[in-house]
Amino acid sequence: MAGKSKWGGKRPNQTGRPRKKTTISEKTKKKWIQAANKFAKKHGMTVQEAILEMIVDKDVQDSVRVAAAKLYNEALIAKETVSDVTVTKNDGPAVGLPPLEKDPALRVVSG
């Protein structure tokens, strides 16, 4: 048998191991964190410190101070979802089940 054998190897239409898919928001978040770290090295303060300085600095325009305060509050406030579920009545099982009867095979036969 001369030539290459078609046995073994990767099967057609198959790729390697599955890759973790990253969303656009994850990529954007990573870029923002990298930019914030670069800013911290360059200016000697973190982005959070710069925003807080804008809030208390009297030379900064009032609208900018308000916007910085809103940004600071958004970053600190955790987005919470509250769901209050109370069950007031129980109608039994959602799936209709046959009525409970004794197994006919287990009955005692008299006679």
PDB file of N, CA and C in Angstrom:
ATOM      1  N   MET A   1       0.844  -1.167   0.000  1.00  0.00           N
ATOM      2  CA  MET A   1       0.000   0.000   0.000  1.00  0.00           C
ATOM      3  C   MET A   1       0.890   1.230   0.000  1.00  0.00           C
ATOM      4  N   ALA A   2       0.991   1.842  -1.130  1.00  0.00           N
ATOM      5  CA  ALA A   2       1.842   3.020  -1.278  1.00  0.00           C
ATOM      6  C   ALA A   2       1.016   4.278  -1.094  1.00  0.00           C
ATOM      7  N   GLY A   3       1.688   5.349  -0.725  1.00  0.00           N
ATOM      8  CA  GLY A   3       0.994   6.621  -0.567  1.00  0.00           C
ATOM      9  C   GLY A   3       0.563   6.870   0.861  1.00  0.00           C
ATOM     10  N   LYS A   4      -0.059   8.011   1.056  1.00  0.00           N
ATOM     11  CA  LYS A   4      -0.516   8.396   2.392  1.00  0.00           C
ATOM     12  C   LYS A   4      -1.831   7.726   2.722  1.00  0.00           C
ATOM     13  N   SER A   5      -1.944   7.350   3.948  1.00  0.00           N
ATOM     14  CA  SER A   5      -3.190   6.782   4.430  1.00  0.00           C
ATOM     15  C   SER A   5      -4.089   7.909   4.923  1.00  0.00           C
ATOM     16  N   LYS A   6      -5.387   7.765   4.762  1.00  0.00           N
ATOM     17  CA  LYS A   6      -6.324   8.786   5.216  1.00  0.00           C
ATOM     18  C   LYS A   6      -6.752   8.542   6.655  1.00  0.00           C
ATOM     19  N   TRP A   7      -6.174   7.545   7.281  1.00  0.00           N
ATOM     20  CA  TRP A   7      -6.535   7.235   8.650  1.00  0.00           C
ATOM     21  C   TRP A   7      -5.801   8.150   9.602  1.00  0.00           C
ATOM     22  N   GLY A   8      -6.458   8.477  10.714  1.00  0.00           N
ATOM     23  CA  GLY A   8      -5.835   9.282  11.751  1.00  0.00           C
ATOM     24  C   GLY A   8      -5.843  10.758  11.410  1.00  0.00           C
ATOM     25  N   GLY A   9      -5.296  11.538  12.302  1.00  0.00           N
ATOM     26  CA  GLY A   9      -5.229  12.977  12.083  1.00  0.00           C
ATOM     27  C   GLY A   9      -6.525  13.674  12.434  1.00  0.00           C
ATOM     28  N   LYS A  10      -6.555  14.938  12.114  1.00  0.00           N
ATOM     29  CA  LYS A  10      -7.727  15.753  12.426  1.00  0.00           C
ATOM     30  C   LYS A  10      -8.859  15.421  11.469  1.00  0.00           C
ATOM     31  N   ARG A  11     -10.053  15.328  12.004  1.00  0.00           N
ATOM     32  CA  ARG A  11     -11.205  15.028  11.162  1.00  0.00           C
ATOM     33  C   ARG A  11     -11.643  16.279  10.423  1.00  0.00           C
ATOM     34  N   PRO A  12     -12.275  16.115   9.275  1.00  0.00           N
ATOM     35  CA  PRO A  12     -12.720  17.292   8.523  1.00  0.00           C
ATOM     36  C   PRO A  12     -13.713  18.133   9.317  1.00  0.00           C
ATOM     37  N   ASN A  13     -13.667  19.433   9.103  1.00  0.00           N
ATOM     38  CA  ASN A  13     -14.563  20.409   9.736  1.00  0.00           C
ATOM     39  C   ASN A  13     -14.424  20.444  11.256  1.00  0.00           C
ATOM     40  N   GLN A  14     -13.325  20.024  11.784  1.00  0.00           N
ATOM     41  CA  GLN A  14     -13.087  20.067  13.214  1.00  0.00           C
ATOM     42  C   GLN A  14     -11.990  21.077  13.500  1.00  0.00           C
ATOM     43  N   THR A  15     -12.175  21.841  14.532  1.00  0.00           N
ATOM     44  CA  THR A  15     -11.164  22.819  14.926  1.00  0.00           C
ATOM     45  C   THR A  15     -10.468  22.315  16.176  1.00  0.00           C
ATOM     46  N   GLY A  16      -9.576  23.087  16.679  1.00  0.00           N
ATOM     47  CA  GLY A  16      -8.854  22.707  17.885  1.00  0.00           C
ATOM     48  C   GLY A  16      -9.747  22.818  19.108  1.00  0.00           C
ATOM     49  N   ARG A  17      -9.132  22.974  20.244  1.00  0.00           N
ATOM     50  CA  ARG A  17      -9.900  23.076  21.475  1.00  0.00           C
ATOM     51  C   ARG A  17     -10.762  24.336  21.443  1.00  0.00           C
ATOM     52  N   PRO A  18     -11.890  24.314  22.144  1.00  0.00           N
ATOM     53  CA  PRO A  18     -12.764  25.495  22.115  1.00  0.00           C
ATOM     54  C   PRO A  18     -12.102  26.685  22.808  1.00  0.00           C
ATOM     55  N   ARG A  19     -12.197  27.819  22.199  1.00  0.00           N
ATOM     56  CA  ARG A  19     -11.614  29.046  22.731  1.00  0.00           C
ATOM     57  C   ARG A  19     -12.656  29.777  23.566  1.00  0.00           C
ATOM     58  N   LYS A  20     -12.188  30.468  24.595  1.00  0.00           N
ATOM     59  CA  LYS A  20     -13.094  31.283  25.396  1.00  0.00           C
ATOM     60  C   LYS A  20     -13.403  32.549  24.611  1.00  0.00           C
ATOM     61  N   LYS A  21     -14.671  32.791  24.385  1.00  0.00           N
ATOM     62  CA  LYS A  21     -15.069  33.975  23.645  1.00  0.00           C
ATOM     63  C   LYS A  21     -15.191  35.144  24.601  1.00  0.00           C
ATOM     64  N   THR A  22     -14.554  36.244  24.260  1.00  0.00           N
ATOM     65  CA  THR A  22     -14.654  37.440  25.086  1.00  0.00           C
ATOM     66  C   THR A  22     -15.638  38.398  24.440  1.00  0.00           C
ATOM     67  N   THR A  23     -16.423  39.022  25.254  1.00  0.00           N
ATOM     68  CA  THR A  23     -17.403  39.972  24.739  1.00  0.00           C
ATOM     69  C   THR A  23     -16.748  41.333  24.533  1.00  0.00           C
ATOM     70  N   ILE A  24     -17.459  42.198  23.844  1.00  0.00           N
ATOM     71  CA  ILE A  24     -16.938  43.542  23.587  1.00  0.00           C
ATOM     72  C   ILE A  24     -16.759  44.295  24.893  1.00  0.00           C
ATOM     73  N   SER A  25     -17.679  44.099  25.834  1.00  0.00           N
ATOM     74  CA  SER A  25     -17.579  44.822  27.097  1.00  0.00           C
ATOM     75  C   SER A  25     -16.349  44.369  27.894  1.00  0.00           C
ATOM     76  N   GLU A  26     -15.996  43.085  27.812  1.00  0.00           N
ATOM     77  CA  GLU A  26     -14.797  42.606  28.502  1.00  0.00           C
ATOM     78  C   GLU A  26     -13.548  43.212  27.891  1.00  0.00           C
ATOM     79  N   LYS A  27     -13.512  43.295  26.560  1.00  0.00           N
ATOM     80  CA  LYS A  27     -12.355  43.883  25.880  1.00  0.00           C
ATOM     81  C   LYS A  27     -12.233  45.368  26.225  1.00  0.00           C
ATOM     82  N   THR A  28     -13.364  46.063  26.219  1.00  0.00           N
ATOM     83  CA  THR A  28     -13.359  47.495  26.532  1.00  0.00           C
ATOM     84  C   THR A  28     -12.927  47.721  27.974  1.00  0.00           C
ATOM     85  N   LYS A  29     -13.426  46.893  28.868  1.00  0.00           N
ATOM     86  CA  LYS A  29     -13.064  47.017  30.284  1.00  0.00           C
ATOM     87  C   LYS A  29     -11.559  46.819  30.459  1.00  0.00           C
ATOM     88  N   LYS A  30     -10.995  45.849  29.758  1.00  0.00           N
ATOM     89  CA  LYS A  30      -9.554  45.585  29.851  1.00  0.00           C
ATOM     90  C   LYS A  30      -8.757  46.787  29.343  1.00  0.00           C
ATOM     91  N   LYS A  31      -9.212  47.400  28.249  1.00  0.00           N
ATOM     92  CA  LYS A  31      -8.527  48.584  27.719  1.00  0.00           C
ATOM     93  C   LYS A  31      -8.588  49.750  28.697  1.00  0.00           C
ATOM     94  N   TRP A  32      -9.761  49.936  29.341  1.00  0.00           N
ATOM     95  CA  TRP A  32      -9.899  51.016  30.315  1.00  0.00           C
ATOM     96  C   TRP A  32      -8.972  50.801  31.503  1.00  0.00           C
ATOM     97  N   ILE A  33      -8.868  49.573  31.970  1.00  0.00           N
ATOM     98  CA  ILE A  33      -7.988  49.280  33.109  1.00  0.00           C
ATOM     99  C   ILE A  33      -6.528  49.531  32.729  1.00  0.00           C
ATOM    100  N   GLN A  34      -6.146  49.133  31.522  1.00  0.00           N
ATOM    101  CA  GLN A  34      -4.774  49.382  31.071  1.00  0.00           C
ATOM    102  C   GLN A  34      -4.502  50.881  30.980  1.00  0.00           C
ATOM    103  N   ALA A  35      -5.462  51.636  30.449  1.00  0.00           N
ATOM    104  CA  ALA A  35      -5.287  53.090  30.344  1.00  0.00           C
ATOM    105  C   ALA A  35      -5.215  53.730  31.725  1.00  0.00           C
ATOM    106  N   ALA A  36      -6.010  53.234  32.669  1.00  0.00           N
ATOM    107  CA  ALA A  36      -5.979  53.780  34.031  1.00  0.00           C
ATOM    108  C   ALA A  36      -4.638  53.504  34.699  1.00  0.00           C
ATOM    109  N   ASN A  37      -4.086  52.312  34.479  1.00  0.00           N
ATOM    110  CA  ASN A  37      -2.769  51.998  35.039  1.00  0.00           C
ATOM    111  C   ASN A  37      -1.680  52.875  34.429  1.00  0.00           C
ATOM    112  N   LYS A  38      -1.781  53.133  33.127  1.00  0.00           N
ATOM    113  CA  LYS A  38      -0.821  54.002  32.446  1.00  0.00           C
ATOM    114  C   LYS A  38      -0.917  55.432  32.995  1.00  0.00           C
ATOM    115  N   PHE A  39      -2.146  55.901  33.218  1.00  0.00           N
ATOM    116  CA  PHE A  39      -2.382  57.226  33.778  1.00  0.00           C
ATOM    117  C   PHE A  39      -1.769  57.332  35.171  1.00  0.00           C
ATOM    118  N   ALA A  40      -1.951  56.285  35.972  1.00  0.00           N
ATOM    119  CA  ALA A  40      -1.434  56.294  37.336  1.00  0.00           C
ATOM    120  C   ALA A  40       0.090  56.384  37.345  1.00  0.00           C
ATOM    121  N   LYS A  41       0.739  55.676  36.434  1.00  0.00           N
ATOM    122  CA  LYS A  41       2.208  55.734  36.364  1.00  0.00           C
ATOM    123  C   LYS A  41       2.679  57.105  35.901  1.00  0.00           C
ATOM    124  N   LYS A  42       1.971  57.671  34.916  1.00  0.00           N
ATOM    125  CA  LYS A  42       2.395  58.937  34.335  1.00  0.00           C
ATOM    126  C   LYS A  42       2.203  60.108  35.299  1.00  0.00           C
ATOM    127  N   HIS A  43       1.065  60.165  35.977  1.00  0.00           N
ATOM    128  CA  HIS A  43       0.722  61.325  36.798  1.00  0.00           C
ATOM    129  C   HIS A  43       0.916  61.102  38.296  1.00  0.00           C
ATOM    130  N   GLY A  44       1.213  59.896  38.709  1.00  0.00           N
ATOM    131  CA  GLY A  44       1.449  59.636  40.116  1.00  0.00           C
ATOM    132  C   GLY A  44       0.191  59.568  40.958  1.00  0.00           C
ATOM    133  N   MET A  45      -0.955  59.454  40.328  1.00  0.00           N
ATOM    134  CA  MET A  45      -2.217  59.295  41.055  1.00  0.00           C
ATOM    135  C   MET A  45      -3.143  58.426  40.223  1.00  0.00           C
ATOM    136  N   THR A  46      -4.063  57.777  40.898  1.00  0.00           N
ATOM    137  CA  THR A  46      -5.013  56.921  40.185  1.00  0.00           C
ATOM    138  C   THR A  46      -6.110  57.777  39.559  1.00  0.00           C
ATOM    139  N   VAL A  47      -6.869  57.172  38.689  1.00  0.00           N
ATOM    140  CA  VAL A  47      -7.989  57.872  38.045  1.00  0.00           C
ATOM    141  C   VAL A  47      -9.021  58.267  39.098  1.00  0.00           C
ATOM    142  N   GLN A  48      -9.231  57.395  40.075  1.00  0.00           N
ATOM    143  CA  GLN A  48     -10.190  57.705  41.135  1.00  0.00           C
ATOM    144  C   GLN A  48      -9.759  58.939  41.917  1.00  0.00           C
ATOM    145  N   GLU A  49      -8.462  59.036  42.205  1.00  0.00           N
ATOM    146  CA  GLU A  49      -7.962  60.211  42.920  1.00  0.00           C
ATOM    147  C   GLU A  49      -8.140  61.477  42.088  1.00  0.00           C
ATOM    148  N   ALA A  50      -7.925  61.377  40.767  1.00  0.00           N
ATOM    149  CA  ALA A  50      -8.088  62.537  39.891  1.00  0.00           C
ATOM    150  C   ALA A  50      -9.544  62.995  39.871  1.00  0.00           C
ATOM    151  N   ILE A  51     -10.476  62.032  39.832  1.00  0.00           N
ATOM    152  CA  ILE A  51     -11.899  62.393  39.834  1.00  0.00           C
ATOM    153  C   ILE A  51     -12.278  63.061  41.156  1.00  0.00           C
ATOM    154  N   LEU A  52     -11.776  62.524  42.258  1.00  0.00           N
ATOM    155  CA  LEU A  52     -12.074  63.120  43.562  1.00  0.00           C
ATOM    156  C   LEU A  52     -11.473  64.517  43.692  1.00  0.00           C
ATOM    157  N   GLU A  53     -10.296  64.726  43.105  1.00  0.00           N
ATOM    158  CA  GLU A  53      -9.709  66.070  43.135  1.00  0.00           C
ATOM    159  C   GLU A  53     -10.564  67.057  42.348  1.00  0.00           C
ATOM    160  N   MET A  54     -11.139  66.596  41.220  1.00  0.00           N
ATOM    161  CA  MET A  54     -12.009  67.469  40.433  1.00  0.00           C
ATOM    162  C   MET A  54     -13.247  67.866  41.233  1.00  0.00           C
ATOM    163  N   ILE A  55     -13.752  66.944  42.039  1.00  0.00           N
ATOM    164  CA  ILE A  55     -14.964  67.219  42.804  1.00  0.00           C
ATOM    165  C   ILE A  55     -14.723  68.316  43.840  1.00  0.00           C
ATOM    166  N   VAL A  56     -13.567  68.314  44.481  1.00  0.00           N
ATOM    167  CA  VAL A  56     -13.315  69.277  45.561  1.00  0.00           C
ATOM    168  C   VAL A  56     -12.585  70.535  45.097  1.00  0.00           C
ATOM    169  N   ASP A  57     -12.057  70.537  43.871  1.00  0.00           N
ATOM    170  CA  ASP A  57     -11.309  71.697  43.377  1.00  0.00           C
ATOM    171  C   ASP A  57     -12.268  72.832  43.026  1.00  0.00           C
ATOM    172  N   LYS A  58     -12.046  74.012  43.610  1.00  0.00           N
ATOM    173  CA  LYS A  58     -12.931  75.162  43.382  1.00  0.00           C
ATOM    174  C   LYS A  58     -12.691  75.810  42.015  1.00  0.00           C
ATOM    175  N   ASP A  59     -11.530  75.567  41.400  1.00  0.00           N
ATOM    176  CA  ASP A  59     -11.225  76.162  40.096  1.00  0.00           C
ATOM    177  C   ASP A  59     -11.923  75.443  38.947  1.00  0.00           C
ATOM    178  N   VAL A  60     -12.404  74.239  39.196  1.00  0.00           N
ATOM    179  CA  VAL A  60     -13.079  73.460  38.160  1.00  0.00           C
ATOM    180  C   VAL A  60     -14.509  73.959  38.029  1.00  0.00           C
ATOM    181  N   GLN A  61     -14.991  73.997  36.794  1.00  0.00           N
ATOM    182  CA  GLN A  61     -16.344  74.459  36.507  1.00  0.00           C
ATOM    183  C   GLN A  61     -17.372  73.595  37.252  1.00  0.00           C
ATOM    184  N   ASP A  62     -18.453  74.209  37.700  1.00  0.00           N
ATOM    185  CA  ASP A  62     -19.451  73.508  38.508  1.00  0.00           C
ATOM    186  C   ASP A  62     -20.067  72.318  37.777  1.00  0.00           C
ATOM    187  N   SER A  63     -20.358  72.480  36.492  1.00  0.00           N
ATOM    188  CA  SER A  63     -20.974  71.372  35.748  1.00  0.00           C
ATOM    189  C   SER A  63     -20.021  70.176  35.665  1.00  0.00           C
ATOM    190  N   VAL A  64     -18.729  70.452  35.569  1.00  0.00           N
ATOM    191  CA  VAL A  64     -17.745  69.368  35.526  1.00  0.00           C
ATOM    192  C   VAL A  64     -17.663  68.687  36.890  1.00  0.00           C
ATOM    193  N   ARG A  65     -17.752  69.482  37.953  1.00  0.00           N
ATOM    194  CA  ARG A  65     -17.711  68.913  39.301  1.00  0.00           C
ATOM    195  C   ARG A  65     -18.916  68.009  39.538  1.00  0.00           C
ATOM    196  N   VAL A  66     -20.099  68.446  39.082  1.00  0.00           N
ATOM    197  CA  VAL A  66     -21.309  67.635  39.239  1.00  0.00           C
ATOM    198  C   VAL A  66     -21.184  66.341  38.428  1.00  0.00           C
ATOM    199  N   ALA A  67     -20.668  66.448  37.210  1.00  0.00           N
ATOM    200  CA  ALA A  67     -20.497  65.259  36.372  1.00  0.00           C
ATOM    201  C   ALA A  67     -19.502  64.282  37.000  1.00  0.00           C
ATOM    202  N   ALA A  68     -18.434  64.805  37.585  1.00  0.00           N
ATOM    203  CA  ALA A  68     -17.455  63.943  38.244  1.00  0.00           C
ATOM    204  C   ALA A  68     -18.066  63.266  39.467  1.00  0.00           C
ATOM    205  N   ALA A  69     -18.889  63.996  40.207  1.00  0.00           N
ATOM    206  CA  ALA A  69     -19.554  63.412  41.372  1.00  0.00           C
ATOM    207  C   ALA A  69     -20.518  62.303  40.953  1.00  0.00           C
ATOM    208  N   LYS A  70     -21.254  62.513  39.856  1.00  0.00           N
ATOM    209  CA  LYS A  70     -22.158  61.477  39.353  1.00  0.00           C
ATOM    210  C   LYS A  70     -21.379  60.243  38.921  1.00  0.00           C
ATOM    211  N   LEU A  71     -20.256  60.462  38.254  1.00  0.00           N
ATOM    212  CA  LEU A  71     -19.413  59.355  37.814  1.00  0.00           C
ATOM    213  C   LEU A  71     -18.893  58.569  39.015  1.00  0.00           C
ATOM    214  N   TYR A  72     -18.485  59.285  40.039  1.00  0.00           N
ATOM    215  CA  TYR A  72     -17.988  58.640  41.261  1.00  0.00           C
ATOM    216  C   TYR A  72     -19.092  57.817  41.928  1.00  0.00           C
ATOM    217  N   ASN A  73     -20.297  58.386  42.009  1.00  0.00           N
ATOM    218  CA  ASN A  73     -21.413  57.661  42.618  1.00  0.00           C
ATOM    219  C   ASN A  73     -21.805  56.428  41.820  1.00  0.00           C
ATOM    220  N   GLU A  74     -21.802  56.525  40.482  1.00  0.00           N
ATOM    221  CA  GLU A  74     -22.126  55.374  39.640  1.00  0.00           C
ATOM    222  C   GLU A  74     -21.128  54.254  39.840  1.00  0.00           C
ATOM    223  N   ALA A  75     -19.868  54.613  40.035  1.00  0.00           N
ATOM    224  CA  ALA A  75     -18.840  53.594  40.212  1.00  0.00           C
ATOM    225  C   ALA A  75     -18.991  52.884  41.550  1.00  0.00           C
ATOM    226  N   LEU A  76     -19.483  53.590  42.560  1.00  0.00           N
ATOM    227  CA  LEU A  76     -19.587  52.992  43.886  1.00  0.00           C
ATOM    228  C   LEU A  76     -20.885  52.254  44.134  1.00  0.00           C
ATOM    229  N   ILE A  77     -21.958  52.708  43.510  1.00  0.00           N
ATOM    230  CA  ILE A  77     -23.256  52.108  43.774  1.00  0.00           C
ATOM    231  C   ILE A  77     -23.356  50.792  43.010  1.00  0.00           C
ATOM    232  N   ALA A  78     -23.570  49.732  43.745  1.00  0.00           N
ATOM    233  CA  ALA A  78     -23.720  48.421  43.117  1.00  0.00           C
ATOM    234  C   ALA A  78     -25.115  48.310  42.530  1.00  0.00           C
ATOM    235  N   LYS A  79     -25.176  47.741  41.365  1.00  0.00           N
ATOM    236  CA  LYS A  79     -26.471  47.545  40.725  1.00  0.00           C
ATOM    237  C   LYS A  79     -27.125  46.322  41.361  1.00  0.00           C
ATOM    238  N   GLU A  80     -28.169  46.548  42.136  1.00  0.00           N
ATOM    239  CA  GLU A  80     -28.845  45.464  42.824  1.00  0.00           C
ATOM    240  C   GLU A  80     -30.206  45.220  42.200  1.00  0.00           C
ATOM    241  N   THR A  81     -30.545  43.977  42.097  1.00  0.00           N
ATOM    242  CA  THR A  81     -31.886  43.628  41.650  1.00  0.00           C
ATOM    243  C   THR A  81     -32.565  42.901  42.803  1.00  0.00           C
ATOM    244  N   VAL A  82     -33.697  43.418  43.201  1.00  0.00           N
ATOM    245  CA  VAL A  82     -34.428  42.833  44.312  1.00  0.00           C
ATOM    246  C   VAL A  82     -35.706  42.241  43.762  1.00  0.00           C
ATOM    247  N   SER A  83     -35.903  40.981  44.065  1.00  0.00           N
ATOM    248  CA  SER A  83     -37.154  40.353  43.641  1.00  0.00           C
ATOM    249  C   SER A  83     -37.792  39.720  44.868  1.00  0.00           C
ATOM    250  N   ASP A  84     -39.008  40.130  45.135  1.00  0.00           N
ATOM    251  CA  ASP A  84     -39.738  39.618  46.281  1.00  0.00           C
ATOM    252  C   ASP A  84     -40.808  38.665  45.762  1.00  0.00           C
ATOM    253  N   VAL A  85     -40.569  37.394  45.935  1.00  0.00           N
ATOM    254  CA  VAL A  85     -41.505  36.389  45.446  1.00  0.00           C
ATOM    255  C   VAL A  85     -42.175  35.744  46.645  1.00  0.00           C
ATOM    256  N   THR A  86     -43.489  35.888  46.691  1.00  0.00           N
ATOM    257  CA  THR A  86     -44.251  35.237  47.758  1.00  0.00           C
ATOM    258  C   THR A  86     -45.299  34.344  47.114  1.00  0.00           C
ATOM    259  N   VAL A  87     -45.338  33.108  47.551  1.00  0.00           N
ATOM    260  CA  VAL A  87     -46.316  32.156  47.031  1.00  0.00           C
ATOM    261  C   VAL A  87     -47.491  32.146  48.000  1.00  0.00           C
ATOM    262  N   THR A  88     -48.656  32.518  47.485  1.00  0.00           N
ATOM    263  CA  THR A  88     -49.825  32.605  48.359  1.00  0.00           C
ATOM    264  C   THR A  88     -50.684  31.355  48.316  1.00  0.00           C
ATOM    265  N   LYS A  89     -50.684  30.636  47.217  1.00  0.00           N
ATOM    266  CA  LYS A  89     -51.507  29.431  47.146  1.00  0.00           C
ATOM    267  C   LYS A  89     -50.725  28.313  46.477  1.00  0.00           C
ATOM    268  N   ASN A  90     -51.085  27.107  46.819  1.00  0.00           N
ATOM    269  CA  ASN A  90     -50.434  25.944  46.256  1.00  0.00           C
ATOM    270  C   ASN A  90     -51.512  25.093  45.604  1.00  0.00           C
ATOM    271  N   ASP A  91     -51.503  25.033  44.288  1.00  0.00           N
ATOM    272  CA  ASP A  91     -52.512  24.285  43.554  1.00  0.00           C
ATOM    273  C   ASP A  91     -52.114  22.837  43.322  1.00  0.00           C
ATOM    274  N   GLY A  92     -51.053  22.405  43.900  1.00  0.00           N
ATOM    275  CA  GLY A  92     -50.586  21.043  43.669  1.00  0.00           C
ATOM    276  C   GLY A  92     -49.538  21.023  42.581  1.00  0.00           C
ATOM    277  N   PRO A  93     -49.224  19.867  42.080  1.00  0.00           N
ATOM    278  CA  PRO A  93     -48.177  19.782  41.061  1.00  0.00           C
ATOM    279  C   PRO A  93     -48.610  20.423  39.743  1.00  0.00           C
ATOM    280  N   ALA A  94     -47.658  20.960  39.038  1.00  0.00           N
ATOM    281  CA  ALA A  94     -47.948  21.603  37.765  1.00  0.00           C
ATOM    282  C   ALA A  94     -48.241  20.566  36.685  1.00  0.00           C
ATOM    283  N   VAL A  95     -47.732  19.365  36.869  1.00  0.00           N
ATOM    284  CA  VAL A  95     -47.953  18.293  35.901  1.00  0.00           C
ATOM    285  C   VAL A  95     -49.051  17.394  36.453  1.00  0.00           C
ATOM    286  N   GLY A  96     -49.997  17.047  35.601  1.00  0.00           N
ATOM    287  CA  GLY A  96     -51.084  16.183  36.055  1.00  0.00           C
ATOM    288  C   GLY A  96     -50.596  14.764  36.293  1.00  0.00           C
ATOM    289  N   LEU A  97     -50.783  14.259  37.486  1.00  0.00           N
ATOM    290  CA  LEU A  97     -50.355  12.918  37.837  1.00  0.00           C
ATOM    291  C   LEU A  97     -51.577  12.034  38.014  1.00  0.00           C
ATOM    292  N   PRO A  98     -51.423  10.743  37.758  1.00  0.00           N
ATOM    293  CA  PRO A  98     -52.571   9.848  37.961  1.00  0.00           C
ATOM    294  C   PRO A  98     -52.880   9.719  39.454  1.00  0.00           C
ATOM    295  N   PRO A  99     -54.120   9.394  39.800  1.00  0.00           N
ATOM    296  CA  PRO A  99     -54.464   9.271  41.225  1.00  0.00           C
ATOM    297  C   PRO A  99     -53.700   8.117  41.870  1.00  0.00           C
ATOM    298  N   LEU A 100     -53.408   8.286  43.153  1.00  0.00           N
ATOM    299  CA  LEU A 100     -52.663   7.263  43.871  1.00  0.00           C
ATOM    300  C   LEU A 100     -53.581   6.094  44.214  1.00  0.00           C
ATOM    301  N   GLU A 101     -53.238   4.945  43.736  1.00  0.00           N
ATOM    302  CA  GLU A 101     -53.969   3.722  44.044  1.00  0.00           C
ATOM    303  C   GLU A 101     -52.958   2.667  44.419  1.00  0.00           C
ATOM    304  N   LYS A 102     -53.414   1.666  45.138  1.00  0.00           N
ATOM    305  CA  LYS A 102     -52.522   0.584  45.490  1.00  0.00           C
ATOM    306  C   LYS A 102     -52.176  -0.207  44.240  1.00  0.00           C
ATOM    307  N   ASP A 103     -50.986  -0.756  44.239  1.00  0.00           N
ATOM    308  CA  ASP A 103     -50.530  -1.575  43.120  1.00  0.00           C
ATOM    309  C   ASP A 103     -51.355  -2.857  43.074  1.00  0.00           C
ATOM    310  N   PRO A 104     -52.011  -3.166  41.959  1.00  0.00           N
ATOM    311  CA  PRO A 104     -52.844  -4.370  41.897  1.00  0.00           C
ATOM    312  C   PRO A 104     -52.050  -5.653  42.082  1.00  0.00           C
ATOM    313  N   ALA A 105     -50.772  -5.616  41.811  1.00  0.00           N
ATOM    314  CA  ALA A 105     -49.963  -6.831  41.958  1.00  0.00           C
ATOM    315  C   ALA A 105     -49.696  -7.143  43.421  1.00  0.00           C
ATOM    316  N   LEU A 106     -49.838  -6.150  44.288  1.00  0.00           N
ATOM    317  CA  LEU A 106     -49.547  -6.360  45.699  1.00  0.00           C
ATOM    318  C   LEU A 106     -50.788  -6.649  46.533  1.00  0.00           C
ATOM    319  N   ARG A 107     -51.962  -6.746  45.939  1.00  0.00           N
ATOM    320  CA  ARG A 107     -53.187  -7.026  46.665  1.00  0.00           C
ATOM    321  C   ARG A 107     -53.191  -8.473  47.170  1.00  0.00           C
ATOM    322  N   VAL A 108     -53.801  -8.653  48.294  1.00  0.00           N
ATOM    323  CA  VAL A 108     -53.916  -9.996  48.857  1.00  0.00           C
ATOM    324  C   VAL A 108     -55.156 -10.651  48.248  1.00  0.00           C
ATOM    325  N   VAL A 109     -54.923 -11.798  47.675  1.00  0.00           N
ATOM    326  CA  VAL A 109     -56.032 -12.531  47.035  1.00  0.00           C
ATOM    327  C   VAL A 109     -56.634 -13.451  48.095  1.00  0.00           C
ATOM    328  N   SER A 110     -57.934 -13.313  48.307  1.00  0.00           N
ATOM    329  CA  SER A 110     -58.605 -14.189  49.270  1.00  0.00           C
ATOM    330  C   SER A 110     -59.485 -15.176  48.510  1.00  0.00           C
ATOM    331  N   GLY A 111     -59.524 -16.397  49.033  1.00  0.00           N
ATOM    332  CA  GLY A 111     -60.454 -17.282  48.397  1.00  0.00           C
ATOM    333  C   GLY A 111     -59.942 -18.594  48.094  1.00  0.00           C
TER     334      GLY A 111
END
